[in-house]
C-alpha atoms as a PDB file:
ATOM      1  CA  MET A   1     120.535  86.686 115.673  1.00  0.00           C
ATOM      2  CA  THR A   2     119.413  83.227 114.603  1.00  0.00           C
ATOM      3  CA  THR A   3     121.233  81.271 111.917  1.00  0.00           C
ATOM      4  CA  ILE A   4     120.867  77.741 110.643  1.00  0.00           C
ATOM      5  CA  SER A   5     124.024  75.701 110.686  1.00  0.00           C
ATOM      6  CA  PRO A   6     125.407  74.694 107.276  1.00  0.00           C
ATOM      7  CA  SER A   7     126.234  71.341 108.852  1.00  0.00           C
ATOM      8  CA  ALA A   8     122.524  70.628 108.869  1.00  0.00           C
ATOM      9  CA  THR A   9     122.461  70.609 105.085  1.00  0.00           C
ATOM     10  CA  ALA A  10     121.237  67.378 103.564  1.00  0.00           C
ATOM     11  CA  ASP A  11     123.865  66.196 101.115  1.00  0.00           C
ATOM     12  CA  PRO A  12     122.502  63.619  98.619  1.00  0.00           C
ATOM     13  CA  ALA A  13     125.701  61.632  99.024  1.00  0.00           C
ATOM     14  CA  SER A  14     125.501  61.544 102.807  1.00  0.00           C
ATOM     15  CA  ASP A  15     123.419  59.695 105.380  1.00  0.00           C
ATOM     16  CA  ALA A  16     121.143  62.750 105.524  1.00  0.00           C
ATOM     17  CA  ALA A  17     119.776  62.073 102.051  1.00  0.00           C
ATOM     18  CA  PRO A  18     117.061  59.665 103.238  1.00  0.00           C
ATOM     19  CA  LYS A  19     115.932  62.322 105.724  1.00  0.00           C
ATOM     20  CA  ARG A  20     115.645  64.851 102.920  1.00  0.00           C
ATOM     21  CA  VAL A  21     113.520  62.450 100.886  1.00  0.00           C
ATOM     22  CA  ARG A  22     111.380  61.887 103.972  1.00  0.00           C
ATOM     23  CA  HIS A  23     110.880  65.623 104.423  1.00  0.00           C
ATOM     24  CA  VAL A  24     109.800  65.977 100.783  1.00  0.00           C
ATOM     25  CA  SER A  25     107.294  63.186 101.249  1.00  0.00           C
ATOM     26  CA  THR A  26     105.887  64.877 104.359  1.00  0.00           C
ATOM     27  CA  TYR A  27     105.062  67.977 102.303  1.00  0.00           C
ATOM     28  CA  THR A  28     103.370  65.778  99.712  1.00  0.00           C
ATOM     29  CA  GLU A  29     101.305  64.278 102.505  1.00  0.00           C
ATOM     30  CA  LEU A  30     100.279  67.723 103.760  1.00  0.00           C
ATOM     31  CA  ALA A  31      99.487  68.960 100.258  1.00  0.00           C
ATOM     32  CA  GLN A  32      97.207  65.990  99.728  1.00  0.00           C
ATOM     33  CA  GLN A  33      95.334  66.746 102.966  1.00  0.00           C
ATOM     34  CA  VAL A  34      94.902  70.381 101.934  1.00  0.00           C
ATOM     35  CA  LYS A  35      93.631  69.386  98.498  1.00  0.00           C
ATOM     36  CA  GLU A  36      91.167  66.860  99.896  1.00  0.00           C
ATOM     37  CA  ALA A  37      89.846  69.523 102.294  1.00  0.00           C
ATOM     38  CA  GLY A  38      89.015  71.708  99.271  1.00  0.00           C
ATOM     39  CA  LEU A  39      91.261  74.557 100.449  1.00  0.00           C
ATOM     40  CA  LEU A  40      92.703  75.237  97.001  1.00  0.00           C
ATOM     41  CA  ARG A  41      89.299  75.889  95.425  1.00  0.00           C
ATOM     42  CA  ARG A  42      88.727  79.405  94.065  1.00  0.00           C
ATOM     43  CA  ALA A  43      86.803  81.840  96.257  1.00  0.00           C
ATOM     44  CA  TYR A  44      85.163  83.965  93.558  1.00  0.00           C
ATOM     45  CA  THR A  45      82.385  85.388  95.721  1.00  0.00           C
ATOM     46  CA  TYR A  46      84.861  86.468  98.375  1.00  0.00           C
ATOM     47  CA  TYR A  47      87.233  88.152  95.948  1.00  0.00           C
ATOM     48  CA  TRP A  48      84.641  89.826  93.716  1.00  0.00           C
ATOM     49  CA  SER A  49      82.923  91.296  96.776  1.00  0.00           C
ATOM     50  CA  ARG A  50      86.279  92.528  98.141  1.00  0.00           C
ATOM     51  CA  ILE A  51      87.358  94.050  94.831  1.00  0.00           C
ATOM     52  CA  LEU A  52      84.040  95.764  94.131  1.00  0.00           C
ATOM     53  CA  GLY A  53      83.754  96.908  97.737  1.00  0.00           C
ATOM     54  CA  ALA A  54      87.276  98.390  97.755  1.00  0.00           C
ATOM     55  CA  VAL A  55      86.704 100.197  94.460  1.00  0.00           C
ATOM     56  CA  ALA A  56      83.372 101.571  95.730  1.00  0.00           C
ATOM     57  CA  VAL A  57      84.982 102.886  98.928  1.00  0.00           C
ATOM     58  CA  PHE A  58      87.841 104.359  96.887  1.00  0.00           C
ATOM     59  CA  ALA A  59      85.354 106.198  94.665  1.00  0.00           C
ATOM     60  CA  GLY A  60      83.277 107.278  97.670  1.00  0.00           C
ATOM     61  CA  ILE A  61      86.313 108.856  99.336  1.00  0.00           C
ATOM     62  CA  TRP A  62      86.964 110.991  96.265  1.00  0.00           C
ATOM     63  CA  VAL A  63      83.310 112.058  96.044  1.00  0.00           C
ATOM     64  CA  ALA A  64      83.456 113.086  99.716  1.00  0.00           C
ATOM     65  CA  PHE A  65      86.758 114.847  98.996  1.00  0.00           C
ATOM     66  CA  ALA A  66      85.111 116.981  96.289  1.00  0.00           C
ATOM     67  CA  PHE A  67      82.156 117.910  98.523  1.00  0.00           C
ATOM     68  CA  LEU A  68      84.291 118.693 101.580  1.00  0.00           C
ATOM     69  CA  GLY A  69      86.567 121.095  99.717  1.00  0.00           C
ATOM     70  CA  ASP A  70      89.135 123.270 101.447  1.00  0.00           C
ATOM     71  CA  SER A  71      89.076 121.842 104.965  1.00  0.00           C
ATOM     72  CA  TRP A  72      91.507 120.243 107.404  1.00  0.00           C
ATOM     73  CA  PHE A  73      88.901 117.503 107.886  1.00  0.00           C
ATOM     74  CA  GLN A  74      90.242 116.196 104.570  1.00  0.00           C
ATOM     75  CA  LEU A  75      92.998 114.555 106.610  1.00  0.00           C
ATOM     76  CA  LEU A  76      90.429 112.053 107.891  1.00  0.00           C
ATOM     77  CA  LEU A  77      89.679 111.135 104.297  1.00  0.00           C
ATOM     78  CA  ALA A  78      93.426 110.893 103.655  1.00  0.00           C
ATOM     79  CA  ALA A  79      93.747 108.314 106.444  1.00  0.00           C
ATOM     80  CA  GLY A  80      90.748 106.421 105.052  1.00  0.00           C
ATOM     81  CA  LEU A  81      92.330 106.482 101.594  1.00  0.00           C
ATOM     82  CA  GLY A  82      95.512 105.018 103.065  1.00  0.00           C
ATOM     83  CA  VAL A  83      93.490 102.143 104.528  1.00  0.00           C
ATOM     84  CA  VAL A  84      91.596 101.362 101.317  1.00  0.00           C
ATOM     85  CA  LEU A  85      94.757 101.565  99.183  1.00  0.00           C
ATOM     86  CA  THR A  86      96.388  99.057 101.529  1.00  0.00           C
ATOM     87  CA  GLN A  87      93.445  96.700 101.034  1.00  0.00           C
ATOM     88  CA  ILE A  88      93.667  97.145  97.267  1.00  0.00           C
ATOM     89  CA  SER A  89      97.397  96.378  97.440  1.00  0.00           C
ATOM     90  CA  PHE A  90      96.654  93.164  99.326  1.00  0.00           C
ATOM     91  CA  LEU A  91      94.191  92.196  96.603  1.00  0.00           C
ATOM     92  CA  GLY A  92      96.869  92.939  94.001  1.00  0.00           C
ATOM     93  CA  HIS A  93      99.235  90.702  95.981  1.00  0.00           C
ATOM     94  CA  ASP A  94      96.672  87.873  96.026  1.00  0.00           C
ATOM     95  CA  SER A  95      96.066  88.192  92.316  1.00  0.00           C
ATOM     96  CA  ALA A  96      99.802  88.186  91.580  1.00  0.00           C
ATOM     97  CA  HIS A  97      99.943  84.880  93.479  1.00  0.00           C
ATOM     98  CA  ARG A  98      97.138  83.553  91.227  1.00  0.00           C
ATOM     99  CA  GLN A  99      94.791  83.138  94.176  1.00  0.00           C
ATOM    100  CA  ILE A 100      91.757  84.760  92.541  1.00  0.00           C
ATOM    101  CA  PHE A 101      91.215  83.358  89.034  1.00  0.00           C
ATOM    102  CA  ARG A 102      92.094  80.141  87.249  1.00  0.00           C
ATOM    103  CA  SER A 103      93.399  82.138  84.289  1.00  0.00           C
ATOM    104  CA  HIS A 104      96.992  83.374  84.631  1.00  0.00           C
ATOM    105  CA  HIS A 105      96.118  86.196  82.231  1.00  0.00           C
ATOM    106  CA  TRP A 106      93.213  87.404  84.387  1.00  0.00           C
ATOM    107  CA  ASN A 107      95.311  87.215  87.540  1.00  0.00           C
ATOM    108  CA  ASP A 108      98.232  89.121  86.032  1.00  0.00           C
ATOM    109  CA  TRP A 109      96.118  91.932  84.604  1.00  0.00           C
ATOM    110  CA  THR A 110      93.961  92.221  87.711  1.00  0.00           C
ATOM    111  CA  SER A 111      97.121  92.635  89.771  1.00  0.00           C
ATOM    112  CA  ARG A 112      98.597  95.068  87.249  1.00  0.00           C
ATOM    113  CA  VAL A 113      95.486  97.270  87.315  1.00  0.00           C
ATOM    114  CA  LEU A 114      94.971  97.147  91.089  1.00  0.00           C
ATOM    115  CA  SER A 115      98.657  97.730  91.819  1.00  0.00           C
ATOM    116  CA  GLY A 116      99.342 100.324  89.131  1.00  0.00           C
ATOM    117  CA  LEU A 117      96.171 102.341  88.567  1.00  0.00           C
ATOM    118  CA  PHE A 118      94.966 102.282  92.174  1.00  0.00           C
ATOM    119  CA  ALA A 119      97.998 101.836  94.470  1.00  0.00           C
ATOM    120  CA  GLY A 120     100.634 103.357  92.178  1.00  0.00           C
ATOM    121  CA  LEU A 121     103.016 100.384  92.422  1.00  0.00           C
ATOM    122  CA  SER A 122     104.632  98.359  89.641  1.00  0.00           C
ATOM    123  CA  HIS A 123     103.217  94.851  89.287  1.00  0.00           C
ATOM    124  CA  GLY A 124     106.253  93.654  87.302  1.00  0.00           C
ATOM    125  CA  TRP A 125     108.745  94.931  89.859  1.00  0.00           C
ATOM    126  CA  TRP A 126     106.781  93.415  92.725  1.00  0.00           C
ATOM    127  CA  VAL A 127     106.345  89.984  91.106  1.00  0.00           C
ATOM    128  CA  SER A 128     110.054  89.697  90.298  1.00  0.00           C
ATOM    129  CA  LYS A 129     111.114  90.683  93.812  1.00  0.00           C
ATOM    130  CA  HIS A 130     108.423  88.730  95.643  1.00  0.00           C
ATOM    131  CA  SER A 131     108.940  85.520  93.654  1.00  0.00           C
ATOM    132  CA  ARG A 132     112.608  85.447  94.638  1.00  0.00           C
ATOM    133  CA  HIS A 133     111.613  85.974  98.256  1.00  0.00           C
ATOM    134  CA  HIS A 134     109.116  83.081  98.196  1.00  0.00           C
ATOM    135  CA  ALA A 135     111.656  80.748  96.591  1.00  0.00           C
ATOM    136  CA  ASN A 136     114.275  81.359  99.293  1.00  0.00           C
ATOM    137  CA  PRO A 137     112.874  83.158 102.345  1.00  0.00           C
ATOM    138  CA  ASN A 138     115.615  84.565 104.594  1.00  0.00           C
ATOM    139  CA  LYS A 139     118.402  83.021 102.533  1.00  0.00           C
ATOM    140  CA  GLU A 140     121.460  85.225 102.214  1.00  0.00           C
ATOM    141  CA  GLY A 141     122.220  86.218  98.638  1.00  0.00           C
ATOM    142  CA  SER A 142     118.880  84.912  97.353  1.00  0.00           C
ATOM    143  CA  ASP A 143     116.095  86.692  99.251  1.00  0.00           C
ATOM    144  CA  PRO A 144     115.956  90.372  98.186  1.00  0.00           C
ATOM    145  CA  ASP A 145     113.966  91.219 101.311  1.00  0.00           C
ATOM    146  CA  ILE A 146     117.049  90.748 103.509  1.00  0.00           C
ATOM    147  CA  GLY A 147     119.459  92.472 101.139  1.00  0.00           C
ATOM    148  CA  PRO A 148     121.065  95.872 101.814  1.00  0.00           C
ATOM    149  CA  SER A 149     118.522  98.550 102.696  1.00  0.00           C
ATOM    150  CA  ALA A 150     117.908 101.154 105.392  1.00  0.00           C
ATOM    151  CA  PHE A 151     118.075  98.239 107.852  1.00  0.00           C
ATOM    152  CA  ALA A 152     120.865  95.672 108.063  1.00  0.00           C
ATOM    153  CA  PHE A 153     119.054  92.343 108.278  1.00  0.00           C
ATOM    154  CA  THR A 154     122.213  90.225 108.469  1.00  0.00           C
ATOM    155  CA  PRO A 155     125.497  90.716 110.364  1.00  0.00           C
ATOM    156  CA  ALA A 156     127.460  90.629 107.095  1.00  0.00           C
ATOM    157  CA  ILE A 157     125.601  93.728 105.890  1.00  0.00           C
ATOM    158  CA  ALA A 158     126.043  95.426 109.268  1.00  0.00           C
ATOM    159  CA  GLN A 159     129.797  94.695 109.238  1.00  0.00           C
ATOM    160  CA  ALA A 160     130.204  96.299 105.823  1.00  0.00           C
ATOM    161  CA  ARG A 161     128.894  99.646 107.057  1.00  0.00           C
ATOM    162  CA  ARG A 162     131.218 102.451 108.063  1.00  0.00           C
ATOM    163  CA  GLY A 163     130.996 105.829 109.753  1.00  0.00           C
ATOM    164  CA  LEU A 164     127.615 107.218 110.758  1.00  0.00           C
ATOM    165  CA  ALA A 165     125.756 104.349 109.041  1.00  0.00           C
ATOM    166  CA  ALA A 166     127.605 101.828 111.228  1.00  0.00           C
ATOM    167  CA  LYS A 167     126.823 103.760 114.391  1.00  0.00           C
ATOM    168  CA  LEU A 168     123.128 104.052 113.540  1.00  0.00           C
ATOM    169  CA  THR A 169     122.966 100.343 112.664  1.00  0.00           C
ATOM    170  CA  ARG A 170     123.933  99.462 116.238  1.00  0.00           C
ATOM    171  CA  TRP A 171     120.615 100.937 117.371  1.00  0.00           C
ATOM    172  CA  GLN A 172     118.517 100.125 114.316  1.00  0.00           C
ATOM    173  CA  GLY A 173     115.954  98.167 116.311  1.00  0.00           C
ATOM    174  CA  TYR A 174     114.760 101.433 117.802  1.00  0.00           C
ATOM    175  CA  PHE A 175     114.026 102.878 114.353  1.00  0.00           C
ATOM    176  CA  LEU A 176     110.892 100.783 113.779  1.00  0.00           C
ATOM    177  CA  PRO A 177     108.709 103.938 114.108  1.00  0.00           C
ATOM    178  CA  PHE A 178     110.034 104.736 110.624  1.00  0.00           C
ATOM    179  CA  VAL A 179     108.013 101.819 109.208  1.00  0.00           C
ATOM    180  CA  PRO A 180     105.341 104.263 107.849  1.00  0.00           C
ATOM    181  CA  PHE A 181     107.928 105.535 105.363  1.00  0.00           C
ATOM    182  CA  ILE A 182     107.979 102.112 103.702  1.00  0.00           C
ATOM    183  CA  GLY A 183     105.111 103.289 101.486  1.00  0.00           C
ATOM    184  CA  VAL A 184     107.322 106.015 100.032  1.00  0.00           C
ATOM    185  CA  ALA A 185     110.183 103.536  99.587  1.00  0.00           C
ATOM    186  CA  LEU A 186     107.933 101.134  97.658  1.00  0.00           C
ATOM    187  CA  HIS A 187     106.835 103.875  95.258  1.00  0.00           C
ATOM    188  CA  ILE A 188     110.441 104.943  94.682  1.00  0.00           C
ATOM    189  CA  ALA A 189     111.549 101.338  94.051  1.00  0.00           C
ATOM    190  CA  SER A 190     108.690 100.865  91.564  1.00  0.00           C
ATOM    191  CA  ILE A 191     109.655 103.960  89.589  1.00  0.00           C
ATOM    192  CA  GLN A 192     113.338 103.026  89.622  1.00  0.00           C
ATOM    193  CA  ARG A 193     112.515  99.635  88.109  1.00  0.00           C
ATOM    194  CA  LEU A 194     110.234 101.164  85.494  1.00  0.00           C
ATOM    195  CA  VAL A 195     112.866 103.621  84.263  1.00  0.00           C
ATOM    196  CA  GLY A 196     115.770 101.195  84.698  1.00  0.00           C
ATOM    197  CA  LYS A 197     117.419  99.003  82.077  1.00  0.00           C
ATOM    198  CA  GLN A 198     116.341  95.617  83.440  1.00  0.00           C
ATOM    199  CA  PRO A 199     113.789  93.768  81.287  1.00  0.00           C
ATOM    200  CA  LEU A 200     110.197  94.313  82.413  1.00  0.00           C
ATOM    201  CA  LYS A 201     107.099  92.866  80.780  1.00  0.00           C
ATOM    202  CA  HIS A 202     104.504  95.491  79.768  1.00  0.00           C
ATOM    203  CA  ARG A 203     106.856  98.268  80.875  1.00  0.00           C
ATOM    204  CA  TRP A 204     105.104 101.050  78.923  1.00  0.00           C
ATOM    205  CA  THR A 205     101.672  99.972  80.094  1.00  0.00           C
ATOM    206  CA  GLU A 206     102.837 100.100  83.697  1.00  0.00           C
ATOM    207  CA  ILE A 207     104.505 103.467  83.142  1.00  0.00           C
ATOM    208  CA  ALA A 208     101.223 104.796  81.735  1.00  0.00           C
ATOM    209  CA  PHE A 209      99.242 103.381  84.669  1.00  0.00           C
ATOM    210  CA  ILE A 210     101.509 104.787  87.354  1.00  0.00           C
ATOM    211  CA  ALA A 211     102.028 108.154  85.634  1.00  0.00           C
ATOM    212  CA  ALA A 212      98.256 108.555  85.292  1.00  0.00           C
ATOM    213  CA  ARG A 213      97.684 107.518  88.886  1.00  0.00           C
ATOM    214  CA  LEU A 214     100.360 109.661  90.530  1.00  0.00           C
ATOM    215  CA  GLY A 215      99.934 112.600  88.174  1.00  0.00           C
ATOM    216  CA  GLY A 216      96.150 112.537  88.460  1.00  0.00           C
ATOM    217  CA  TYR A 217      96.329 112.191  92.237  1.00  0.00           C
ATOM    218  CA  ILE A 218      98.539 115.251  92.714  1.00  0.00           C
ATOM    219  CA  THR A 219      96.551 117.270  90.185  1.00  0.00           C
ATOM    220  CA  VAL A 220      93.242 116.582  91.963  1.00  0.00           C
ATOM    221  CA  LEU A 221      94.745 117.481  95.341  1.00  0.00           C
ATOM    222  CA  LEU A 222      96.030 120.821  94.047  1.00  0.00           C
ATOM    223  CA  LEU A 223      92.753 121.637  92.280  1.00  0.00           C
ATOM    224  CA  VAL A 224      90.769 121.337  95.513  1.00  0.00           C
ATOM    225  CA  LEU A 225      93.253 122.176  98.264  1.00  0.00           C
ATOM    226  CA  PRO A 226      95.894 124.852  98.770  1.00  0.00           C
ATOM    227  CA  PRO A 227      99.479 123.506  98.529  1.00  0.00           C
ATOM    228  CA  GLY A 228      99.954 123.148 102.306  1.00  0.00           C
ATOM    229  CA  LYS A 229      96.806 121.113 102.847  1.00  0.00           C
ATOM    230  CA  ALA A 230      97.445 119.114  99.663  1.00  0.00           C
ATOM    231  CA  ALA A 231     100.897 118.192 100.971  1.00  0.00           C
ATOM    232  CA  ALA A 232      99.416 117.245 104.376  1.00  0.00           C
ATOM    233  CA  PHE A 233      96.762 115.068 102.676  1.00  0.00           C
ATOM    234  CA  PHE A 234      99.426 113.316 100.616  1.00  0.00           C
ATOM    235  CA  ALA A 235     101.667 112.804 103.652  1.00  0.00           C
ATOM    236  CA  VAL A 236      98.916 111.348 105.865  1.00  0.00           C
ATOM    237  CA  GLN A 237      97.747 108.988 103.132  1.00  0.00           C
ATOM    238  CA  MET A 238     101.276 107.749 102.399  1.00  0.00           C
ATOM    239  CA  LEU A 239     102.164 107.316 106.079  1.00  0.00           C
ATOM    240  CA  VAL A 240      98.997 105.321 106.841  1.00  0.00           C
ATOM    241  CA  PHE A 241      99.571 103.234 103.716  1.00  0.00           C
ATOM    242  CA  GLY A 242     103.203 102.599 104.671  1.00  0.00           C
ATOM    243  CA  LEU A 243     102.366 101.786 108.288  1.00  0.00           C
ATOM    244  CA  LEU A 244      99.718  99.196 107.419  1.00  0.00           C
ATOM    245  CA  LEU A 245     101.548  97.598 104.509  1.00  0.00           C
ATOM    246  CA  GLY A 246     104.956  97.737 106.177  1.00  0.00           C
ATOM    247  CA  SER A 247     103.668  96.265 109.440  1.00  0.00           C
ATOM    248  CA  ALA A 248     102.032  93.382 107.579  1.00  0.00           C
ATOM    249  CA  PHE A 249     105.236  92.460 105.764  1.00  0.00           C
ATOM    250  CA  ALA A 250     107.796  93.221 108.482  1.00  0.00           C
ATOM    251  CA  THR A 251     106.276  90.858 111.028  1.00  0.00           C
ATOM    252  CA  ASN A 252     106.404  87.824 108.746  1.00  0.00           C
ATOM    253  CA  HIS A 253     110.122  86.984 108.503  1.00  0.00           C
ATOM    254  CA  VAL A 254     112.332  89.552 110.241  1.00  0.00           C
ATOM    255  CA  GLY A 255     113.958  87.910 113.248  1.00  0.00           C
ATOM    256  CA  MET A 256     113.386  84.399 111.990  1.00  0.00           C
ATOM    257  CA  PRO A 257     116.378  82.122 111.164  1.00  0.00           C
ATOM    258  CA  ILE A 258     118.824  83.265 108.485  1.00  0.00           C
ATOM    259  CA  VAL A 259     119.899  80.623 105.961  1.00  0.00           C
ATOM    260  CA  PRO A 260     123.546  80.609 104.780  1.00  0.00           C
ATOM    261  CA  PRO A 261     124.025  80.953 100.992  1.00  0.00           C
ATOM    262  CA  ASP A 262     125.355  77.424 100.506  1.00  0.00           C
ATOM    263  CA  MET A 263     122.675  75.583 102.444  1.00  0.00           C
ATOM    264  CA  LYS A 264     119.866  73.461 101.010  1.00  0.00           C
ATOM    265  CA  ILE A 265     116.677  72.755 102.945  1.00  0.00           C
ATOM    266  CA  ASP A 266     113.609  70.778 102.006  1.00  0.00           C
ATOM    267  CA  PHE A 267     110.598  72.847 100.929  1.00  0.00           C
ATOM    268  CA  LEU A 268     108.453  72.270 104.018  1.00  0.00           C
ATOM    269  CA  ARG A 269     111.100  73.388 106.494  1.00  0.00           C
ATOM    270  CA  ARG A 270     112.347  76.180 104.270  1.00  0.00           C
ATOM    271  CA  GLN A 271     108.921  77.809 104.390  1.00  0.00           C
ATOM    272  CA  VAL A 272     107.850  76.973 107.958  1.00  0.00           C
ATOM    273  CA  LEU A 273     111.053  77.659 109.893  1.00  0.00           C
ATOM    274  CA  MET A 274     111.678  81.041 108.249  1.00  0.00           C
ATOM    275  CA  SER A 275     108.117  82.355 108.658  1.00  0.00           C
ATOM    276  CA  ARG A 276     106.081  83.678 111.566  1.00  0.00           C
ATOM    277  CA  ASN A 277     102.299  83.733 111.997  1.00  0.00           C
ATOM    278  CA  ILE A 278     100.508  86.515 113.860  1.00  0.00           C
ATOM    279  CA  SER A 279      97.683  85.466 116.162  1.00  0.00           C
ATOM    280  CA  GLY A 280      94.400  87.361 116.283  1.00  0.00           C
ATOM    281  CA  GLY A 281      90.863  87.334 114.988  1.00  0.00           C
ATOM    282  CA  ARG A 282      89.116  88.704 111.938  1.00  0.00           C
ATOM    283  CA  PHE A 283      90.366  92.250 112.487  1.00  0.00           C
ATOM    284  CA  THR A 284      93.994  91.056 112.359  1.00  0.00           C
ATOM    285  CA  THR A 285      93.272  89.120 109.176  1.00  0.00           C
ATOM    286  CA  PHE A 286      91.627  92.194 107.627  1.00  0.00           C
ATOM    287  CA  ALA A 287      94.402  94.580 108.692  1.00  0.00           C
ATOM    288  CA  MET A 288      97.140  92.260 107.423  1.00  0.00           C
ATOM    289  CA  GLY A 289      95.407  91.083 104.271  1.00  0.00           C
ATOM    290  CA  GLY A 290      95.550  87.462 105.405  1.00  0.00           C
ATOM    291  CA  LEU A 291      99.347  87.613 105.732  1.00  0.00           C
ATOM    292  CA  ASN A 292      99.016  86.873 109.435  1.00  0.00           C
ATOM    293  CA  TYR A 293      98.817  83.263 108.163  1.00  0.00           C
ATOM    294  CA  GLN A 294     102.268  83.625 106.650  1.00  0.00           C
ATOM    295  CA  ILE A 295     103.338  80.020 107.114  1.00  0.00           C
ATOM    296  CA  GLU A 296     100.290  78.691 105.280  1.00  0.00           C
ATOM    297  CA  HIS A 297     100.703  81.351 102.589  1.00  0.00           C
ATOM    298  CA  HIS A 298     104.310  80.319 101.978  1.00  0.00           C
ATOM    299  CA  LEU A 299     103.461  76.632 101.850  1.00  0.00           C
ATOM    300  CA  PHE A 300     100.507  77.214  99.488  1.00  0.00           C
ATOM    301  CA  PRO A 301     101.013  80.619  97.815  1.00  0.00           C
ATOM    302  CA  ASN A 302      98.063  80.202  95.447  1.00  0.00           C
ATOM    303  CA  MET A 303      95.615  79.305  98.224  1.00  0.00           C
ATOM    304  CA  PRO A 304      92.724  81.812  98.366  1.00  0.00           C
ATOM    305  CA  ARG A 305      93.017  84.095 101.383  1.00  0.00           C
ATOM    306  CA  PRO A 306      89.809  82.989 103.179  1.00  0.00           C
ATOM    307  CA  ASN A 307      91.054  79.380 103.245  1.00  0.00           C
ATOM    308  CA  LEU A 308      94.329  80.132 105.041  1.00  0.00           C
ATOM    309  CA  ARG A 309      92.662  80.132 108.460  1.00  0.00           C
ATOM    310  CA  ARG A 310      91.276  76.630 107.870  1.00  0.00           C
ATOM    311  CA  ALA A 311      94.630  75.401 106.572  1.00  0.00           C
ATOM    312  CA  ARG A 312      96.353  76.591 109.752  1.00  0.00           C
ATOM    313  CA  ASP A 313      95.010  73.702 111.851  1.00  0.00           C
ATOM    314  CA  LEU A 314      96.170  71.127 109.286  1.00  0.00           C
ATOM    315  CA  VAL A 315      99.616  72.692 108.995  1.00  0.00           C
ATOM    316  CA  ARG A 316     100.125  72.989 112.762  1.00  0.00           C
ATOM    317  CA  ALA A 317      99.125  69.373 113.334  1.00  0.00           C
ATOM    318  CA  HIS A 318     101.429  68.263 110.523  1.00  0.00           C
ATOM    319  CA  CYS A 319     104.349  70.234 111.990  1.00  0.00           C
ATOM    320  CA  VAL A 320     103.777  68.730 115.439  1.00  0.00           C
ATOM    321  CA  LYS A 321     103.653  65.255 113.931  1.00  0.00           C
ATOM    322  CA  HIS A 322     106.963  65.725 112.111  1.00  0.00           C
ATOM    323  CA  ASP A 323     108.706  67.804 114.804  1.00  0.00           C
ATOM    324  CA  VAL A 324     108.965  70.992 112.732  1.00  0.00           C
ATOM    325  CA  HIS A 325     108.924  74.175 114.820  1.00  0.00           C
ATOM    326  CA  TYR A 326     105.877  76.337 114.046  1.00  0.00           C
ATOM    327  CA  THR A 327     106.113  79.983 115.173  1.00  0.00           C
ATOM    328  CA  GLU A 328     103.062  82.053 116.063  1.00  0.00           C
ATOM    329  CA  THR A 329     102.991  85.148 118.257  1.00  0.00           C
ATOM    330  CA  THR A 330     101.036  88.346 118.788  1.00  0.00           C
ATOM    331  CA  PHE A 331     101.534  91.426 116.637  1.00  0.00           C
ATOM    332  CA  PHE A 332     103.319  93.302 119.419  1.00  0.00           C
ATOM    333  CA  GLY A 333     105.275  90.191 120.362  1.00  0.00           C
ATOM    334  CA  ALA A 334     106.549  90.067 116.789  1.00  0.00           C
ATOM    335  CA  PHE A 335     107.657  93.703 116.887  1.00  0.00           C
ATOM    336  CA  ARG A 336     109.478  93.150 120.172  1.00  0.00           C
ATOM    337  CA  ALA A 337     111.304  90.198 118.616  1.00  0.00           C
ATOM    338  CA  ILE A 338     112.104  92.253 115.487  1.00  0.00           C
ATOM    339  CA  SER A 339     113.500  95.168 117.511  1.00  0.00           C
ATOM    340  CA  ARG A 340     115.661  92.821 119.587  1.00  0.00           C
ATOM    341  CA  TYR A 341     116.880  90.990 116.493  1.00  0.00           C
ATOM    342  CA  LEU A 342     117.818  94.145 114.581  1.00  0.00           C
ATOM    343  CA  ASN A 343     119.791  95.512 117.517  1.00  0.00           C
ATOM    344  CA  ASP A 344     121.555  92.163 117.973  1.00  0.00           C
ATOM    345  CA  VAL A 345     122.532  92.144 114.297  1.00  0.00           C
ATOM    346  CA  GLY A 346     123.813  95.710 114.484  1.00  0.00           C
ATOM    347  CA  ARG A 347     126.035  94.930 117.469  1.00  0.00           C
ATOM    348  CA  MET A 348     127.278  91.498 116.461  1.00  0.00           C
ATOM    349  CA  PRO A 349     130.978  91.318 115.439  1.00  0.00           C
ATOM    350  CA  ASP A 350     130.779  87.911 113.742  1.00  0.00           C
ATOM    351  CA  PRO A 351     128.077  87.077 111.135  1.00  0.00           C
ATOM    352  CA  PHE A 352     127.827  83.513 112.486  1.00  0.00           C
ATOM    353  CA  GLY A 353     128.899  84.116 116.049  1.00  0.00           C
ATOM    354  CA  CYS A 354     125.526  83.685 117.680  1.00  0.00           C
ATOM    355  CA  PRO A 355     124.431  80.491 119.465  1.00  0.00           C
ATOM    356  CA  LEU A 356     122.608  78.084 117.236  1.00  0.00           C
ATOM    357  CA  ALA A 357     118.900  78.369 117.979  1.00  0.00           C
ATOM    358  CA  THR A 358     117.525  76.116 115.269  1.00  0.00           C
ATOM    359  CA  GLN A 359     118.755  72.733 114.067  1.00  0.00           C
ATOM    360  CA  LEU A 360     117.319  70.751 111.187  1.00  0.00           C
ATOM    361  CA  ARG A 361     116.693  67.156 111.974  1.00  0.00           C
END
């Protein structure tokens, strides 16, 4: 388990204050380099081709589904549908980050349509949760992604568990094969937010979108396939969707340093030190929706996806120059680190008992 020492906090009244100002200025310097390189310019051709292509493949799968009829070969189409829905979800994510259009209105509604009508997920729920994560990645009490869930991401959560849950938590790193079920968990969380009492913009529109999508999906399956094959189709699609989406998100921050609730860190280090990039070529970028460049995405969340690769070289050089640790590993290297981390958390008696692995300068 890796934590950041509260003693590294820059207090404005202490000698560390000038360092904090310096760190802020280093981000300004990097941002200027990125802007001058044109990496914040909109990539309309890229995104329109991706959106239209994904919608065309989505429609093509359903045409093939109708022609194929009652056949177990439909499971191949189910896997393909899981892949294309993952890509559509990534596009919804990009739009929610305002990467596609200049207009906030166009970005919001594009994300709402792609997420709700196609992927069956609530845009409003996702934006609220994801914005809090981006503001304070891996910070206890602030980042919802490390809050209580099936996994205990912090020792404090692990310590609070009792009985069977506590015993299972000790070996939670070996439960990563359950990542495919993340797709089901995301759909459940979306519905819970939609029917809950918390304020949600365009609630009834989102309810209509998701009800039409999920209801229409199940209806079409049962019209063409017998119940057993319809259930198998649904299961394969959801598991592929969960595996791809869950793998893309899990590898980004799990196992990176945990920030105590009372600690303040400058923006550059807050985003770089808590994030992990995944190395690989174009296939990795496609499979992960560009989130393999997680550090660059966190530093510049509205940067169009195709520009993240070019920004990587600038960010790495900047981190080397200012002695900020930049983490990049392979996909399988990340999962090994995640498994080790989760087991360490589950077996650790003291939330802050681990050796300090990262110090802010």
